[in-house]
N, C-alpha and C. Protein backbone atom coordinates (compact mmCIF):
# COMPACT_ATOMS: atom_id res chain seq x y z
N MET A 1 -23.47 49.75 -102.89
CA MET A 1 -23.86 48.71 -102.68
C MET A 1 -23.15 48.51 -101.28
N THR A 2 -23.54 48.06 -100.29
CA THR A 2 -22.83 47.86 -99.01
C THR A 2 -22.05 46.05 -99.38
N GLU A 3 -21.53 45.57 -98.42
CA GLU A 3 -20.86 44.33 -97.91
C GLU A 3 -22.73 43.31 -97.84
N HIS A 4 -23.28 44.23 -96.56
CA HIS A 4 -24.60 43.66 -96.08
C HIS A 4 -25.58 43.20 -97.55
N ASP A 5 -25.59 44.24 -98.40
CA ASP A 5 -26.85 43.87 -99.65
C ASP A 5 -26.06 42.59 -100.50
N ASP A 6 -24.87 42.89 -100.49
CA ASP A 6 -23.77 41.64 -101.04
C ASP A 6 -24.72 40.15 -100.80
N LEU A 7 -24.25 40.43 -98.95
CA LEU A 7 -24.92 38.87 -98.43
C LEU A 7 -26.03 39.13 -98.86
N LEU A 8 -26.77 39.40 -98.57
CA LEU A 8 -28.24 39.36 -99.11
C LEU A 8 -28.54 38.91 -99.67
N TYR A 9 -28.22 39.25 -101.11
CA TYR A 9 -28.68 38.89 -102.54
C TYR A 9 -27.84 37.77 -102.85
N LEU A 10 -26.64 37.35 -102.57
CA LEU A 10 -25.66 36.40 -102.76
C LEU A 10 -26.96 35.22 -101.60
N ALA A 11 -27.75 35.15 -100.42
CA ALA A 11 -28.22 34.66 -99.82
C ALA A 11 -29.14 34.02 -100.72
N HIS A 12 -30.11 35.05 -101.23
CA HIS A 12 -31.25 35.33 -102.29
C HIS A 12 -31.54 34.00 -103.04
N ILE A 13 -30.02 34.01 -104.00
CA ILE A 13 -29.24 33.73 -105.25
C ILE A 13 -29.56 32.21 -104.71
N ASP A 14 -28.72 32.33 -103.89
CA ASP A 14 -28.63 30.66 -103.54
C ASP A 14 -29.49 29.82 -103.34
N GLU A 15 -30.71 30.73 -102.24
CA GLU A 15 -32.12 30.36 -102.18
C GLU A 15 -32.88 29.21 -103.21
N ALA A 16 -32.84 30.60 -104.22
CA ALA A 16 -33.23 30.02 -105.83
C ALA A 16 -32.67 28.92 -106.10
N ALA A 17 -31.18 28.99 -106.14
CA ALA A 17 -30.89 27.97 -107.05
C ALA A 17 -30.84 26.69 -106.34
N ARG A 18 -30.76 26.39 -104.96
CA ARG A 18 -31.64 25.27 -104.22
C ARG A 18 -32.96 25.00 -104.69
N ARG A 19 -33.69 25.51 -104.59
CA ARG A 19 -35.17 25.43 -105.21
C ARG A 19 -35.41 24.68 -106.64
N ILE A 20 -34.87 25.81 -107.47
CA ILE A 20 -34.32 25.30 -108.68
C ILE A 20 -33.87 23.34 -108.71
N GLU A 21 -32.97 23.49 -107.98
CA GLU A 21 -32.07 21.89 -108.10
C GLU A 21 -33.20 21.00 -107.86
N HIS A 22 -33.50 21.61 -106.44
CA HIS A 22 -34.54 20.63 -106.17
C HIS A 22 -36.32 20.33 -107.11
N THR A 23 -36.46 21.12 -107.79
CA THR A 23 -37.30 21.04 -108.80
C THR A 23 -36.83 19.94 -109.87
N VAL A 24 -35.66 20.50 -109.83
CA VAL A 24 -35.36 19.57 -111.28
C VAL A 24 -35.15 18.14 -110.95
N SER A 25 -34.43 17.59 -109.57
CA SER A 25 -34.11 16.50 -109.45
C SER A 25 -35.19 15.40 -109.14
N VAL A 26 -36.97 16.70 -108.63
CA VAL A 26 -37.95 15.71 -108.57
C VAL A 26 -38.46 15.30 -109.32
N GLN A 27 -38.40 16.91 -110.63
CA GLN A 27 -39.72 16.56 -111.65
C GLN A 27 -38.80 16.22 -113.18
N GLY A 28 -37.69 16.54 -113.17
CA GLY A 28 -36.80 16.41 -114.22
C GLY A 28 -37.54 17.43 -115.16
N ARG A 29 -37.06 17.13 -116.57
CA ARG A 29 -37.33 18.65 -117.45
C ARG A 29 -38.28 18.71 -117.60
N ALA A 30 -39.27 17.90 -117.46
CA ALA A 30 -40.68 17.99 -117.89
C ALA A 30 -41.24 18.92 -116.39
N ALA A 31 -40.31 19.56 -115.87
CA ALA A 31 -41.10 20.40 -114.46
C ALA A 31 -42.55 21.33 -115.06
N LEU A 32 -42.15 22.07 -116.25
CA LEU A 32 -43.30 22.65 -116.95
C LEU A 32 -44.12 21.59 -117.86
N SER A 33 -45.11 21.59 -118.44
CA SER A 33 -46.02 20.30 -118.76
C SER A 33 -46.20 21.38 -119.97
N GLY A 34 -46.17 20.72 -121.11
CA GLY A 34 -46.84 21.02 -122.68
C GLY A 34 -48.33 21.67 -122.05
N ASP A 35 -48.84 20.98 -121.21
CA ASP A 35 -50.18 21.14 -121.32
C ASP A 35 -50.29 22.61 -120.44
N PHE A 36 -49.52 22.92 -119.44
CA PHE A 36 -49.22 23.93 -118.58
C PHE A 36 -48.56 25.30 -119.80
N LYS A 37 -47.85 25.05 -120.22
CA LYS A 37 -47.14 26.22 -121.39
C LYS A 37 -48.45 26.33 -122.59
N ALA A 38 -49.21 25.32 -122.82
CA ALA A 38 -50.14 25.48 -123.72
C ALA A 38 -51.41 26.64 -123.54
N ALA A 39 -51.47 26.24 -122.00
CA ALA A 39 -52.65 27.17 -121.66
C ALA A 39 -52.31 28.73 -121.13
N HIS A 40 -51.03 28.62 -121.44
CA HIS A 40 -50.44 30.20 -120.62
C HIS A 40 -49.29 30.37 -122.02
N ALA A 41 -50.29 30.41 -122.95
CA ALA A 41 -49.70 30.68 -124.77
C ALA A 41 -49.01 32.29 -124.55
N GLU A 42 -49.75 33.03 -123.81
CA GLU A 42 -49.20 34.30 -123.21
C GLU A 42 -47.86 34.61 -123.66
N ILE A 43 -47.26 33.78 -122.34
CA ILE A 43 -46.21 33.84 -122.31
C ILE A 43 -44.83 33.54 -123.43
N PRO A 44 -43.97 33.64 -123.26
CA PRO A 44 -43.05 33.62 -124.64
C PRO A 44 -42.03 32.38 -124.00
N TRP A 45 -42.70 31.29 -124.01
CA TRP A 45 -41.83 30.10 -123.62
C TRP A 45 -40.47 29.61 -123.84
N ASN A 46 -40.12 30.05 -125.36
CA ASN A 46 -38.78 29.46 -125.90
C ASN A 46 -38.09 30.32 -126.12
N ARG A 47 -38.32 31.95 -125.51
CA ARG A 47 -37.63 32.72 -125.50
C ARG A 47 -37.45 33.08 -123.63
N VAL A 48 -38.20 32.41 -122.94
CA VAL A 48 -38.15 32.16 -121.21
C VAL A 48 -36.33 31.38 -121.12
N GLY A 49 -37.18 30.12 -121.96
CA GLY A 49 -35.83 29.08 -122.16
C GLY A 49 -34.46 29.24 -122.76
N GLY A 50 -34.69 30.02 -123.45
CA GLY A 50 -33.73 30.75 -124.33
C GLY A 50 -32.78 31.68 -123.32
N PHE A 51 -33.73 32.71 -122.35
CA PHE A 51 -32.97 33.41 -121.62
C PHE A 51 -32.16 32.85 -120.99
N ARG A 52 -32.94 31.47 -120.08
CA ARG A 52 -31.85 30.35 -119.18
C ARG A 52 -31.13 30.09 -119.92
N ASN A 53 -30.90 29.51 -120.63
CA ASN A 53 -29.56 28.87 -121.33
C ASN A 53 -28.33 30.02 -121.75
N ARG A 54 -28.67 31.25 -122.11
CA ARG A 54 -27.54 32.14 -122.67
C ARG A 54 -27.38 32.56 -121.28
N VAL A 55 -27.85 32.74 -120.30
CA VAL A 55 -27.79 32.55 -118.66
C VAL A 55 -26.48 32.26 -118.31
N VAL A 56 -27.33 30.08 -118.39
CA VAL A 56 -26.24 29.69 -117.56
C VAL A 56 -25.02 29.13 -118.40
N HIS A 57 -25.24 29.07 -119.74
CA HIS A 57 -23.89 28.75 -120.69
C HIS A 57 -23.27 29.91 -121.08
N GLY A 58 -23.92 30.96 -120.85
CA GLY A 58 -22.98 32.05 -121.24
C GLY A 58 -22.87 33.18 -120.71
N TYR A 59 -23.10 33.06 -119.13
CA TYR A 59 -23.15 33.51 -118.28
C TYR A 59 -21.89 35.02 -118.62
N LEU A 60 -20.64 34.70 -118.92
CA LEU A 60 -19.47 35.31 -118.37
C LEU A 60 -19.96 36.58 -119.90
N ASP A 61 -20.30 36.73 -121.10
CA ASP A 61 -20.98 36.91 -121.91
C ASP A 61 -22.41 37.75 -121.78
N VAL A 62 -23.22 37.82 -120.27
CA VAL A 62 -24.28 38.06 -120.58
C VAL A 62 -24.30 39.66 -120.78
N ASN A 63 -25.29 40.69 -121.28
CA ASN A 63 -25.48 41.75 -121.11
C ASN A 63 -26.34 42.26 -120.06
N LEU A 64 -25.46 43.14 -118.53
CA LEU A 64 -26.74 43.22 -118.33
C LEU A 64 -27.67 44.55 -118.00
N ASP A 65 -27.49 45.27 -118.75
CA ASP A 65 -28.73 45.88 -119.56
C ASP A 65 -29.84 45.48 -120.04
N ILE A 66 -29.07 44.30 -120.77
CA ILE A 66 -30.34 43.51 -121.80
C ILE A 66 -31.22 42.72 -120.23
N VAL A 67 -30.31 41.69 -119.56
CA VAL A 67 -31.13 41.30 -118.05
C VAL A 67 -32.20 42.23 -117.42
N TRP A 68 -31.65 43.78 -117.01
CA TRP A 68 -32.13 44.60 -115.87
C TRP A 68 -33.73 44.75 -116.80
N ALA A 69 -33.22 44.49 -118.13
CA ALA A 69 -34.91 45.36 -119.48
C ALA A 69 -35.65 44.33 -119.37
N ILE A 70 -35.13 43.00 -119.31
CA ILE A 70 -36.46 42.11 -119.15
C ILE A 70 -36.91 41.89 -117.53
N VAL A 71 -35.84 41.95 -116.76
CA VAL A 71 -35.98 42.46 -115.32
C VAL A 71 -37.82 43.43 -114.72
N ARG A 72 -37.23 44.34 -115.80
CA ARG A 72 -38.40 45.48 -115.25
C ARG A 72 -39.61 45.17 -115.95
N HIS A 73 -39.53 45.01 -117.79
CA HIS A 73 -40.13 44.45 -118.03
C HIS A 73 -41.24 43.32 -118.81
N ASP A 74 -40.26 42.17 -118.63
CA ASP A 74 -41.26 40.66 -119.49
C ASP A 74 -41.18 40.15 -117.37
N LEU A 75 -40.48 40.33 -117.06
CA LEU A 75 -40.51 39.54 -115.91
C LEU A 75 -42.17 39.82 -115.04
N PRO A 76 -42.37 40.97 -114.58
CA PRO A 76 -44.01 40.60 -114.34
C PRO A 76 -45.28 39.77 -114.90
N GLN A 77 -45.40 39.57 -115.79
CA GLN A 77 -46.14 38.96 -116.57
C GLN A 77 -45.53 37.38 -116.33
N LEU A 78 -44.75 36.72 -116.58
CA LEU A 78 -44.31 36.13 -115.53
C LEU A 78 -44.70 35.79 -114.72
N VAL A 79 -43.96 36.47 -113.73
CA VAL A 79 -44.87 36.12 -112.05
C VAL A 79 -46.37 36.07 -112.13
N ASN A 80 -46.92 37.28 -112.70
CA ASN A 80 -48.09 37.10 -112.42
C ASN A 80 -49.21 35.51 -112.91
N CYS A 81 -48.36 35.37 -113.84
CA CYS A 81 -48.95 33.82 -114.26
C CYS A 81 -48.91 32.75 -113.29
N VAL A 82 -47.26 32.41 -112.97
CA VAL A 82 -46.58 31.85 -111.75
C VAL A 82 -47.86 31.91 -110.48
N ARG A 83 -47.61 33.09 -109.87
CA ARG A 83 -48.53 33.48 -108.71
C ARG A 83 -49.96 32.81 -109.44
N ALA A 84 -50.90 32.89 -110.01
CA ALA A 84 -51.86 32.55 -110.18
C ALA A 84 -52.13 31.75 -110.21
N GLU A 85 -51.39 30.96 -110.95
CA GLU A 85 -51.78 29.42 -111.35
C GLU A 85 -50.90 28.39 -109.64
N LEU A 86 -50.09 29.16 -109.05
CA LEU A 86 -49.62 28.45 -107.62
C LEU A 86 -51.32 29.06 -106.91
N ALA A 87 -51.74 30.18 -107.15
CA ALA A 87 -52.63 30.33 -106.09
C ALA A 87 -54.38 28.87 -106.39
N LEU A 88 -54.41 29.07 -108.18
CA LEU A 88 -55.13 28.08 -108.32
C LEU A 88 -55.28 26.54 -107.73
N ARG A 89 -54.10 25.75 -107.85
CA ARG A 89 -53.39 25.06 -107.54
C ARG A 89 -53.57 24.31 -105.83
N ILE A 90 -53.50 25.72 -105.23
CA ILE A 90 -53.11 25.51 -104.02
C ILE A 90 -54.90 25.61 -103.48
N GLU A 91 -55.49 26.34 -104.14
CA GLU A 91 -56.90 26.25 -103.86
C GLU A 91 -57.59 24.62 -104.03
N ARG A 92 -57.23 24.59 -105.63
CA ARG A 92 -57.54 23.29 -105.92
C ARG A 92 -56.94 21.73 -104.70
N SER A 93 -56.43 21.99 -104.01
CA SER A 93 -55.63 20.95 -103.08
C SER A 93 -56.44 21.01 -101.77
N HIS A 94 -57.05 22.56 -101.68
CA HIS A 94 -57.74 22.18 -100.00
C HIS A 94 -59.70 21.62 -100.43
N GLU A 95 -59.49 21.64 -101.42
CA GLU A 95 -61.00 21.28 -101.73
C GLU A 95 -61.04 20.02 -101.33
N PRO A 96 -62.57 19.09 -100.62
CA PRO A 96 -62.68 18.10 -100.49
C PRO A 96 -62.95 16.78 -101.27
N ASP A 97 -62.42 15.60 -101.37
CA ASP A 97 -62.50 14.78 -102.19
C ASP A 97 -63.74 14.35 -102.22
N THR A 98 -64.53 14.61 -103.24
CA THR A 98 -65.90 13.89 -103.47
C THR A 98 -65.77 12.34 -103.70
N GLY A 99 -64.80 12.16 -104.27
CA GLY A 99 -63.99 10.48 -105.04
C GLY A 99 -64.70 10.28 -106.06
N PHE A 100 -65.24 11.25 -106.71
CA PHE A 100 -65.80 10.92 -107.94
C PHE A 100 -65.81 12.36 -108.98
N ASP A 101 -65.94 12.44 -110.47
CA ASP A 101 -65.84 13.46 -110.73
C ASP A 101 -66.95 14.13 -111.58
N ILE A 102 -68.05 15.41 -111.43
CA ILE A 102 -68.72 15.56 -111.89
C ILE A 102 -68.69 16.39 -113.37
N GLY A 103 -67.69 16.95 -114.00
CA GLY A 103 -67.42 17.14 -114.90
C GLY A 103 -67.20 18.20 -115.46
N PHE A 104 -67.74 19.11 -114.37
CA PHE A 104 -67.71 20.57 -114.34
C PHE A 104 -66.71 21.30 -113.00
């Protein structure tokens, strides 16, 4: 890896951290609601939270082989779920508001 690659990765990490900080400051701890998690029970939310806690609080002891395995094998399912939900919410935000709910 070159110095240029390091710079690119560091910039990417910084941007991701800024987005996380913004989300936390705006939405607080309930950034992902219980309803959302229940609707996507195929995602092991407790393990996602546990991974986050391990990385944040035990980062000096993180096994990079385990992180790599998670990125390669578990992250795609989470990313697919998030992208589908984002697409759905963006689509809904562009629907005209008729002022009443017809129930379907």
